[in-house]
N, C-alpha and C. Protein backbone atom coordinates (compact mmCIF):
# COMPACT_ATOMS: atom_id res chain seq x y z
N MET A 1 -10.05 -21.88 6.13
CA MET A 1 -10.44 -20.50 5.58
C MET A 1 -10.36 -19.69 6.70
N THR A 2 -9.51 -18.72 5.81
CA THR A 2 -9.82 -17.44 6.66
C THR A 2 -10.64 -15.89 5.96
N ASP A 3 -10.72 -15.62 7.01
CA ASP A 3 -11.12 -13.90 6.38
C ASP A 3 -10.10 -13.07 5.78
N TRP A 4 -10.70 -12.05 4.82
CA TRP A 4 -9.31 -11.36 4.40
C TRP A 4 -9.96 -9.85 4.21
N PHE A 5 -8.59 -9.16 4.13
CA PHE A 5 -9.20 -7.26 4.49
C PHE A 5 -8.68 -6.34 3.24
N ARG A 6 -9.46 -5.59 2.58
CA ARG A 6 -8.18 -4.86 1.73
C ARG A 6 -7.24 -3.78 2.88
N LEU A 7 -6.28 -3.29 2.35
CA LEU A 7 -5.79 -1.61 3.05
C LEU A 7 -6.81 -1.15 2.14
N ARG A 8 -6.92 0.42 3.02
CA ARG A 8 -8.15 1.17 2.37
C ARG A 8 -7.18 2.45 2.88
N PRO A 9 -7.37 3.70 2.45
CA PRO A 9 -6.99 4.70 2.94
C PRO A 9 -8.14 5.26 3.72
N ASP A 10 -7.94 5.96 5.22
CA ASP A 10 -8.53 6.49 6.11
C ASP A 10 -9.63 7.56 5.46
N ALA A 11 -10.46 8.03 5.40
CA ALA A 11 -10.68 9.35 4.74
C ALA A 11 -10.55 10.26 5.69
N ALA A 12 -11.12 9.85 7.17
CA ALA A 12 -10.68 11.03 7.70
C ALA A 12 -9.55 11.61 8.82
N ALA A 13 -8.55 10.75 8.04
CA ALA A 13 -6.77 10.83 7.98
C ALA A 13 -6.68 12.38 7.16
N PRO A 14 -5.76 13.39 7.79
CA PRO A 14 -5.19 14.09 7.02
C PRO A 14 -4.32 13.81 5.64
N ALA A 15 -4.98 14.98 4.88
CA ALA A 15 -4.60 14.58 3.73
C ALA A 15 -3.04 14.44 3.58
N VAL A 16 -1.92 13.64 2.72
CA VAL A 16 -0.61 13.98 2.55
C VAL A 16 -0.62 14.19 1.03
N GLU A 17 0.29 15.55 0.75
CA GLU A 17 0.37 16.25 -0.26
C GLU A 17 1.65 16.49 -0.88
N VAL A 18 1.88 15.01 -1.78
CA VAL A 18 3.38 14.93 -2.17
C VAL A 18 3.41 15.63 -3.75
N ALA A 19 3.54 16.48 -3.98
CA ALA A 19 3.63 17.07 -5.09
C ALA A 19 4.58 16.56 -6.02
N CYS A 20 5.55 16.48 -5.51
CA CYS A 20 7.04 16.27 -6.23
C CYS A 20 7.20 14.43 -7.13
N PHE A 21 6.40 13.65 -6.99
CA PHE A 21 6.46 12.59 -6.98
C PHE A 21 6.69 12.42 -8.62
N ASP A 22 7.75 12.10 -9.60
CA ASP A 22 7.69 11.81 -10.88
C ASP A 22 6.93 10.92 -11.01
N LYS A 23 5.87 10.53 -11.49
CA LYS A 23 4.73 9.73 -11.85
C LYS A 23 5.20 8.43 -12.91
N LYS A 24 6.29 9.10 -13.61
CA LYS A 24 7.19 8.06 -14.49
C LYS A 24 7.53 6.89 -13.59
N LYS A 25 8.72 7.68 -12.73
CA LYS A 25 9.40 6.85 -11.88
C LYS A 25 8.77 6.13 -10.71
N TYR A 26 7.35 6.89 -10.36
CA TYR A 26 6.71 5.79 -9.44
C TYR A 26 5.42 5.89 -9.79
N PRO A 27 4.77 5.37 -10.47
CA PRO A 27 3.87 5.08 -11.29
C PRO A 27 2.80 4.51 -10.27
N TYR A 28 1.28 4.55 -10.43
CA TYR A 28 0.30 4.12 -9.72
C TYR A 28 0.29 2.65 -9.26
N PHE A 29 0.93 1.75 -10.42
CA PHE A 29 0.87 0.33 -10.27
C PHE A 29 2.10 0.44 -10.61
N THR A 30 2.98 -0.57 -9.21
CA THR A 30 4.13 -0.72 -9.32
C THR A 30 4.60 -2.08 -9.52
N ASP A 31 5.09 -2.54 -10.88
CA ASP A 31 5.21 -3.66 -11.43
C ASP A 31 6.94 -3.77 -11.29
N ALA A 32 7.26 -4.91 -11.81
CA ALA A 32 8.39 -5.51 -11.83
C ALA A 32 9.16 -4.99 -12.67
N GLU A 33 9.05 -4.25 -13.79
CA GLU A 33 9.65 -3.27 -14.34
C GLU A 33 10.39 -1.60 -13.63
N SER A 34 8.71 -1.26 -13.31
CA SER A 34 8.79 0.20 -12.38
C SER A 34 9.87 -0.36 -11.31
N PHE A 35 9.33 -1.23 -10.45
CA PHE A 35 10.27 -1.64 -9.19
C PHE A 35 11.82 -1.38 -9.50
N ASP A 36 12.12 -2.23 -10.55
CA ASP A 36 13.81 -2.16 -10.65
C ASP A 36 14.30 -1.05 -11.07
N ALA A 37 13.51 0.24 -11.79
CA ALA A 37 14.04 1.02 -12.19
C ALA A 37 14.26 2.59 -11.20
N VAL A 38 13.81 1.97 -10.07
CA VAL A 38 13.77 2.75 -9.21
C VAL A 38 15.03 2.34 -8.00
N ASP A 39 15.61 3.30 -7.42
CA ASP A 39 16.57 3.35 -6.54
C ASP A 39 16.38 3.97 -5.15
N HIS A 40 16.95 3.60 -4.11
CA HIS A 40 16.37 4.03 -3.25
C HIS A 40 16.54 5.68 -3.22
N SER A 41 15.49 6.44 -2.90
CA SER A 41 15.29 7.76 -3.22
C SER A 41 15.04 9.11 -2.29
N VAL A 42 14.74 10.08 -2.78
CA VAL A 42 14.09 11.38 -1.70
C VAL A 42 12.93 11.75 -2.77
N VAL A 43 12.09 11.99 -2.00
CA VAL A 43 10.88 13.19 -2.48
C VAL A 43 10.99 14.21 -1.65
N PHE A 44 10.82 15.50 -2.70
CA PHE A 44 9.90 16.29 -1.70
C PHE A 44 8.84 16.67 -1.49
N TYR A 45 8.28 16.98 -0.63
CA TYR A 45 6.62 17.66 -0.22
C TYR A 45 6.74 18.55 0.06
N GLU A 46 5.79 19.71 -0.03
CA GLU A 46 5.68 21.13 -0.04
C GLU A 46 4.70 21.64 1.10
N ARG A 47 3.93 20.54 1.81
CA ARG A 47 2.73 21.05 2.97
C ARG A 47 4.01 21.47 3.74
N GLU A 48 3.18 21.76 4.57
CA GLU A 48 3.87 22.71 5.80
C GLU A 48 4.64 21.67 6.52
N LYS A 49 3.18 20.64 6.91
CA LYS A 49 3.73 19.48 8.03
C LYS A 49 3.23 18.38 7.61
N PHE A 50 4.37 17.51 7.69
CA PHE A 50 3.59 16.13 6.91
C PHE A 50 2.97 15.27 7.86
N SER A 51 1.65 15.33 7.32
CA SER A 51 0.87 14.06 8.21
C SER A 51 1.10 13.21 8.64
N PRO A 52 1.01 12.76 9.70
CA PRO A 52 1.25 11.18 10.31
C PRO A 52 0.77 9.83 9.47
N CYS A 53 0.65 9.84 8.47
CA CYS A 53 0.33 8.57 8.09
C CYS A 53 1.12 7.25 7.74
N ASP A 54 0.46 6.30 8.27
CA ASP A 54 1.91 4.61 8.00
C ASP A 54 1.54 4.44 6.86
N MET A 55 0.78 4.91 5.73
CA MET A 55 0.56 4.30 4.47
C MET A 55 0.40 5.48 3.81
N LEU A 56 0.72 5.43 2.76
CA LEU A 56 0.30 6.48 1.32
C LEU A 56 -0.46 5.55 0.25
N PHE A 57 -1.37 6.17 -0.09
CA PHE A 57 -1.96 5.24 -1.09
C PHE A 57 -2.09 5.79 -2.50
N GLU A 58 -1.72 6.88 -2.43
CA GLU A 58 -1.01 7.67 -3.89
C GLU A 58 -0.42 8.93 -3.62
N PRO A 59 0.60 9.15 -4.71
CA PRO A 59 0.83 9.10 -5.85
C PRO A 59 0.73 7.29 -6.22
N THR A 60 1.58 6.34 -5.93
CA THR A 60 1.76 5.25 -5.23
C THR A 60 1.95 4.43 -3.71
N PHE A 61 1.56 3.36 -3.92
CA PHE A 61 1.42 2.71 -2.09
C PHE A 61 2.77 2.31 -2.06
N LEU A 62 2.84 3.44 -0.58
CA LEU A 62 4.09 3.35 0.07
C LEU A 62 4.01 3.18 1.82
N ILE A 63 4.80 2.48 2.54
CA ILE A 63 4.25 1.53 3.39
C ILE A 63 5.50 2.63 4.29
N GLY A 64 5.17 3.37 5.43
CA GLY A 64 6.09 3.53 6.41
C GLY A 64 6.83 2.69 7.05
N ASP A 65 7.79 3.83 7.32
CA ASP A 65 8.95 2.84 8.54
C ASP A 65 8.89 2.23 9.52
N ASN A 66 7.84 2.44 10.00
CA ASN A 66 7.55 1.66 11.37
C ASN A 66 6.59 0.50 10.95
N LEU A 67 6.14 0.31 9.84
CA LEU A 67 5.50 -0.79 9.66
C LEU A 67 6.47 -1.79 8.71
N LEU A 68 7.74 -1.85 8.30
CA LEU A 68 8.81 -2.30 7.43
C LEU A 68 8.75 -3.64 7.82
N ALA A 69 9.26 -3.93 9.27
CA ALA A 69 9.67 -5.02 9.94
C ALA A 69 8.39 -5.61 9.66
N LEU A 70 6.94 -5.67 10.27
CA LEU A 70 6.24 -6.03 10.22
C LEU A 70 5.66 -6.73 8.87
N PHE A 71 5.90 -5.84 7.55
CA PHE A 71 4.94 -6.48 6.29
C PHE A 71 6.58 -7.70 5.60
N GLU A 72 7.87 -7.20 6.40
CA GLU A 72 9.03 -8.39 5.93
C GLU A 72 8.64 -9.71 6.92
N LEU A 73 8.04 -9.50 7.83
CA LEU A 73 7.87 -10.28 8.64
C LEU A 73 6.28 -11.45 7.72
N LEU A 74 5.54 -10.92 7.47
CA LEU A 74 4.73 -11.00 7.26
C LEU A 74 4.67 -11.78 5.71
N GLU A 75 5.09 -11.31 5.14
CA GLU A 75 5.45 -11.82 3.28
C GLU A 75 7.13 -11.49 3.16
N PRO A 76 7.68 -12.49 3.74
CA PRO A 76 9.31 -12.51 3.48
C PRO A 76 9.81 -12.00 2.03
N SER A 77 8.89 -12.66 0.72
CA SER A 77 9.12 -12.55 -0.50
C SER A 77 9.32 -11.29 -0.96
N MET A 78 8.21 -10.03 -0.04
CA MET A 78 8.15 -8.86 -0.90
C MET A 78 9.93 -8.19 -0.30
N GLN A 79 9.64 -7.37 -1.49
CA GLN A 79 11.52 -6.65 -1.70
C GLN A 79 10.64 -5.04 -1.60
N PHE A 80 11.75 -4.36 -1.02
CA PHE A 80 11.49 -2.86 -0.45
C PHE A 80 12.67 -1.80 -0.92
N LYS A 81 11.91 -0.81 -1.61
CA LYS A 81 12.97 0.65 -1.76
C LYS A 81 12.51 1.85 -0.74
N GLY A 82 13.62 2.43 -0.14
CA GLY A 82 13.49 3.45 0.33
C GLY A 82 13.02 4.72 -0.06
N VAL A 83 12.13 5.49 0.32
CA VAL A 83 11.74 6.81 -0.10
C VAL A 83 11.98 7.95 1.00
N GLN A 84 12.68 8.34 0.90
CA GLN A 84 12.98 9.40 2.66
C GLN A 84 12.36 10.82 1.66
N MET A 85 11.17 11.41 2.48
CA MET A 85 10.47 12.56 2.23
C MET A 85 11.48 13.89 2.60
N TYR A 86 11.66 14.66 2.22
CA TYR A 86 11.98 16.50 2.94
C TYR A 86 11.21 17.48 2.39
N ARG A 87 10.91 18.00 3.34
CA ARG A 87 9.91 19.88 2.56
C ARG A 87 10.80 20.09 1.57
N LYS A 88 10.24 20.34 0.54
CA LYS A 88 10.80 21.06 -0.34
C LYS A 88 11.42 22.60 -0.45
N PHE A 89 10.85 23.59 0.28
CA PHE A 89 11.39 24.65 0.47
C PHE A 89 12.32 25.17 1.65
N LYS A 90 12.07 24.42 2.74
CA LYS A 90 12.98 24.43 3.77
C LYS A 90 13.09 22.69 4.48
N PRO A 91 14.76 22.26 4.00
CA PRO A 91 14.42 20.90 4.21
C PRO A 91 15.27 20.53 5.51
N ALA A 92 15.61 21.73 6.23
CA ALA A 92 15.98 21.49 7.20
C ALA A 92 15.35 21.71 8.39
N GLU A 93 14.29 22.25 8.34
CA GLU A 93 13.45 22.54 9.12
C GLU A 93 12.20 21.69 9.66
N THR A 94 12.34 20.90 9.24
CA THR A 94 11.28 19.57 9.45
C THR A 94 11.41 18.35 9.53
N THR A 95 10.59 17.24 10.07
CA THR A 95 11.00 15.86 9.92
C THR A 95 11.03 15.23 8.82
N HIS A 96 11.97 14.16 8.79
CA HIS A 96 11.93 13.37 7.29
C HIS A 96 11.36 12.22 7.00
N PRO A 97 10.43 12.10 7.42
CA PRO A 97 9.72 10.54 6.67
C PRO A 97 10.29 9.54 5.91
N LEU A 98 10.72 8.35 6.60
CA LEU A 98 10.86 7.46 5.42
C LEU A 98 9.76 6.19 5.08
N PHE A 99 9.80 6.42 3.68
CA PHE A 99 8.42 5.57 3.58
C PHE A 99 9.94 4.13 2.84
N TRP A 100 8.65 2.95 2.12
CA TRP A 100 9.71 2.14 1.54
C TRP A 100 8.15 1.88 0.34
N LEU A 101 8.70 2.15 -0.63
CA LEU A 101 8.48 1.24 -2.00
C LEU A 101 8.38 -0.63 -1.79
N PRO A 102 7.02 -0.82 -1.46
CA PRO A 102 6.92 -2.26 -1.63
C PRO A 102 6.47 -2.81 -3.31
N TYR A 103 7.39 -4.07 -3.63
CA TYR A 103 6.96 -4.82 -5.01
C TYR A 103 6.71 -6.37 -4.14
N LEU A 104 5.48 -6.62 -4.49
CA LEU A 104 4.92 -8.13 -4.25
C LEU A 104 3.97 -8.59 -5.89
N PRO A 105 4.78 -9.37 -6.84
CA PRO A 105 4.02 -9.61 -7.69
C PRO A 105 2.17 -10.33 -7.38
N CYS A 106 1.84 -9.70 -8.37
CA CYS A 106 0.22 -9.43 -8.45
C CYS A 106 -0.26 -11.13 -8.51
N VAL A 107 -1.47 -11.30 -8.08
CA VAL A 107 -2.00 -12.79 -7.45
C VAL A 107 -3.63 -12.38 -8.28
N ASP A 108 -3.75 -13.43 -9.04
CA ASP A 108 -4.73 -13.45 -9.57
C ASP A 108 -6.06 -13.78 -8.93
N ALA A 109 -6.60 -13.19 -7.83
CA ALA A 109 -7.27 -13.98 -6.89
C ALA A 109 -8.88 -13.07 -6.71
N ILE A 110 -9.24 -12.17 -7.73
CA ILE A 110 -10.17 -11.33 -7.54
C ILE A 110 -11.25 -12.37 -8.44
N ASP A 111 -12.39 -12.25 -7.80
CA ASP A 111 -13.16 -13.58 -8.49
C ASP A 111 -14.15 -12.88 -9.33
N GLU A 112 -14.94 -13.61 -9.97
CA GLU A 112 -15.93 -12.63 -11.26
C GLU A 112 -17.28 -12.48 -10.77
N SER A 113 -17.21 -12.55 -9.39
CA SER A 113 -18.54 -12.02 -8.58
C SER A 113 -18.15 -10.81 -7.80
N SER A 114 -17.23 -10.08 -8.46
CA SER A 114 -16.79 -8.99 -8.04
C SER A 114 -17.73 -7.81 -8.19
N GLN A 115 -18.27 -6.58 -7.86
CA GLN A 115 -18.80 -5.81 -8.51
C GLN A 115 -17.41 -4.62 -8.91
N ILE A 116 -17.49 -4.68 -9.94
CA ILE A 116 -16.52 -3.75 -10.92
C ILE A 116 -17.03 -2.57 -11.48
N VAL A 117 -16.56 -1.23 -11.26
CA VAL A 117 -17.26 0.05 -11.78
C VAL A 117 -15.97 0.71 -12.56
N ARG A 118 -15.96 0.64 -13.67
CA ARG A 118 -14.49 1.81 -14.38
C ARG A 118 -13.62 1.33 -13.95
N GLY A 119 -13.41 -0.13 -14.01
CA GLY A 119 -12.18 -0.63 -13.24
C GLY A 119 -11.82 -0.68 -11.77
N LYS A 120 -12.60 -0.44 -10.71
CA LYS A 120 -12.47 0.04 -9.37
C LYS A 120 -13.33 -1.08 -9.36
N ALA A 121 -13.00 -1.61 -7.99
CA ALA A 121 -14.05 -2.53 -7.15
C ALA A 121 -14.61 -2.14 -6.08
N VAL A 122 -16.33 -1.99 -6.21
CA VAL A 122 -16.76 -1.92 -5.67
C VAL A 122 -17.52 -2.58 -4.50
N LYS A 123 -17.50 -3.87 -5.03
CA LYS A 123 -17.64 -4.95 -3.78
C LYS A 123 -16.67 -5.97 -4.51
N LEU A 124 -15.96 -6.43 -3.25
CA LEU A 124 -14.61 -6.91 -4.02
C LEU A 124 -15.23 -8.28 -2.93
N THR A 125 -14.65 -9.45 -4.07
CA THR A 125 -14.83 -10.71 -3.94
C THR A 125 -13.17 -11.67 -4.52
N VAL A 126 -12.84 -12.39 -3.18
CA VAL A 126 -11.83 -13.04 -3.64
C VAL A 126 -11.72 -14.24 -3.52
N LYS A 127 -10.74 -15.15 -4.12
CA LYS A 127 -11.05 -16.54 -4.44
C LYS A 127 -9.79 -17.13 -3.54
N LEU A 128 -10.28 -17.56 -2.44
CA LEU A 128 -9.59 -17.98 -1.37
C LEU A 128 -8.27 -19.00 -2.12
N SER A 129 -8.95 -20.23 -3.41
CA SER A 129 -7.97 -20.94 -3.54
C SER A 129 -6.30 -20.03 -4.10
N ALA A 130 -6.72 -19.23 -4.63
CA ALA A 130 -5.34 -18.05 -5.24
C ALA A 130 -4.64 -17.63 -3.84
N LEU A 131 -5.66 -17.78 -2.78
CA LEU A 131 -4.28 -16.82 -1.09
C LEU A 131 -3.80 -18.28 -0.18
N LYS A 132 -4.36 -19.64 -0.67
CA LYS A 132 -3.50 -20.16 -0.17
C LYS A 132 -2.56 -19.96 0.73
N LYS A 133 -1.68 -20.26 1.78
CA LYS A 133 -0.40 -20.31 2.03
C LYS A 133 0.19 -18.06 2.10
N ARG A 134 -0.68 -17.48 2.01
CA ARG A 134 -0.18 -16.51 2.24
C ARG A 134 -0.86 -15.56 3.27
N ARG A 135 -0.07 -14.38 3.46
CA ARG A 135 -0.64 -13.59 4.73
C ARG A 135 -0.89 -12.20 4.18
N VAL A 136 -0.42 -11.63 3.16
CA VAL A 136 -0.37 -10.82 1.94
C VAL A 136 -0.49 -10.79 0.88
N ALA A 137 -1.17 -10.42 0.19
CA ALA A 137 -1.40 -10.27 -1.83
C ALA A 137 -1.98 -9.10 -2.28
N HIS A 138 -1.27 -9.27 -3.58
CA HIS A 138 -1.50 -7.98 -4.23
C HIS A 138 -1.71 -8.12 -5.36
N CYS A 139 -2.88 -7.87 -5.31
CA CYS A 139 -4.09 -7.69 -7.00
C CYS A 139 -4.20 -6.54 -7.62
N ARG A 140 -4.46 -6.51 -8.72
CA ARG A 140 -4.75 -5.22 -9.39
C ARG A 140 -6.10 -5.52 -10.40
N LEU A 141 -6.54 -4.20 -10.66
CA LEU A 141 -7.79 -3.88 -11.61
C LEU A 141 -7.41 -3.20 -12.62
N PRO A 142 -8.37 -2.36 -14.00
CA PRO A 142 -7.32 -1.60 -14.50
C PRO A 142 -7.33 -0.30 -14.02
N ALA A 143 -8.22 0.10 -13.07
CA ALA A 143 -8.26 1.41 -12.00
C ALA A 143 -7.61 1.50 -10.34
N ASP A 144 -7.32 0.26 -10.06
CA ASP A 144 -7.24 0.12 -8.87
C ASP A 144 -5.98 -0.88 -8.48
N GLU A 145 -5.05 -0.40 -7.57
CA GLU A 145 -4.09 -1.47 -7.24
C GLU A 145 -4.96 -1.93 -5.54
N ILE A 146 -4.61 -3.09 -5.42
CA ILE A 146 -5.27 -3.71 -4.50
C ILE A 146 -4.50 -4.63 -3.32
N TRP A 147 -4.59 -4.10 -1.93
CA TRP A 147 -3.85 -5.06 -1.29
C TRP A 147 -4.60 -5.48 -0.50
N LEU A 148 -4.33 -6.94 0.21
CA LEU A 148 -5.01 -7.74 1.11
C LEU A 148 -4.09 -8.40 2.40
N LEU A 149 -4.88 -8.40 3.17
CA LEU A 149 -4.84 -8.78 4.51
C LEU A 149 -4.99 -10.30 5.29
N SER A 150 -4.50 -11.24 5.36
CA SER A 150 -5.23 -12.14 5.97
C SER A 150 -5.64 -11.71 7.40
N LEU A 151 -6.40 -12.74 7.92
CA LEU A 151 -7.40 -12.07 8.92
C LEU A 151 -5.91 -12.11 10.25
N GLU A 152 -5.07 -12.61 10.07
CA GLU A 152 -3.66 -12.80 10.94
C GLU A 152 -2.85 -11.88 10.65
N ALA A 153 -2.66 -11.34 9.72
CA ALA A 153 -1.98 -10.23 9.47
C ALA A 153 -2.71 -9.20 10.08
N ALA A 154 -4.28 -8.80 9.44
CA ALA A 154 -4.92 -7.57 9.34
C ALA A 154 -4.62 -7.52 11.20
N GLU A 155 -4.78 -8.94 11.88
CA GLU A 155 -4.68 -8.58 14.07
C GLU A 155 -3.57 -7.83 13.82
N CYS A 156 -2.04 -8.61 13.32
CA CYS A 156 -1.00 -7.96 13.68
C CYS A 156 -0.55 -6.28 13.31
N LEU A 157 -1.50 -5.98 12.19
CA LEU A 157 -1.40 -4.59 11.64
C LEU A 157 -2.23 -3.34 12.85
N LEU A 158 -3.09 -4.05 12.91
CA LEU A 158 -3.85 -3.29 13.61
C LEU A 158 -3.35 -3.26 15.72
N ARG A 159 -2.74 -4.59 15.98
CA ARG A 159 -2.08 -3.93 17.01
C ARG A 159 -1.00 -2.86 17.32
N ARG A 160 -0.56 -2.78 15.48
CA ARG A 160 0.48 -1.40 15.78
C ARG A 160 -0.27 -0.24 15.77
N GLN A 161 -1.58 -0.35 15.77
CA GLN A 161 -2.30 0.95 15.88
C GLN A 161 -2.26 1.95 14.75
N PRO A 162 -2.37 1.70 13.26
CA PRO A 162 -1.98 2.60 11.96
C PRO A 162 -2.59 3.90 12.36
N ILE A 163 -1.48 4.43 11.50
CA ILE A 163 -2.85 6.16 11.36
C ILE A 163 -3.03 6.23 9.64
N GLY A 164 -3.85 6.45 9.35
CA GLY A 164 -4.44 6.68 8.07
C GLY A 164 -5.13 5.33 7.23
N ILE A 165 -5.22 4.77 7.92
CA ILE A 165 -5.56 2.80 7.41
C ILE A 165 -6.52 2.78 7.79
N LEU A 166 -7.68 2.15 6.77
CA LEU A 166 -8.81 1.28 7.48
C LEU A 166 -8.58 0.03 6.69
N LEU A 167 -9.22 -1.01 7.64
CA LEU A 167 -9.20 -2.38 6.79
C LEU A 167 -10.90 -2.72 6.27
N GLU A 168 -11.01 -2.71 4.97
CA GLU A 168 -12.52 -3.23 4.57
C GLU A 168 -12.47 -4.92 4.46
N LYS A 169 -13.30 -5.87 5.47
CA LYS A 169 -13.67 -7.14 5.04
C LYS A 169 -13.76 -7.12 3.38
N VAL A 170 -13.66 -8.29 2.98
CA VAL A 170 -13.64 -8.89 1.70
C VAL A 170 -14.38 -9.64 1.69
N PHE A 171 -15.46 -10.12 0.94
CA PHE A 171 -16.08 -11.30 0.70
C PHE A 171 -15.41 -12.45 0.16
N THR A 172 -15.40 -13.46 0.22
CA THR A 172 -14.73 -15.17 -0.07
C THR A 172 -15.30 -15.99 -0.92
N GLN A 173 -14.73 -16.47 -1.50
CA GLN A 173 -15.33 -17.63 -2.55
C GLN A 173 -14.09 -18.67 -2.23
N PRO A 174 -14.48 -20.22 -2.42
CA PRO A 174 -13.40 -21.14 -2.47
C PRO A 174 -13.19 -21.01 -3.59
């Protein structure tokens, strides 16, 4: 039995404004169909400076390039497509951060004892039986995309000192 943690954005981290995401191409919930429809692509952002976050949670979940190898190691079945960021009005004058759109089929691990308000988890409880032999899991509620890390995976992530990410311990049921 192991502890599990939910990936959350750090409210204290600088906001990342990526206004040019096509919400049809990059929906909030990435399922197999929407993942297959995306090619490796370019997205333009409008901020003067791109905030240094290692994951983006909106408008869709993206993993920073420096964490790609970790997630490939932790969950070899995950698939990824690259998303290169460019500044909209002066693309030659700034850095071009690379992110990765992940796809991992959802698992039914959310326990009925979870407290759900308007389709989002307020108090999340997961079923350990649904997470056996996993280190990374992807779950979904009507208004909430949930990425979970086992204790082992969370420790690996924290050793890389990620920016803009919080890990929230979740309750577990057998």
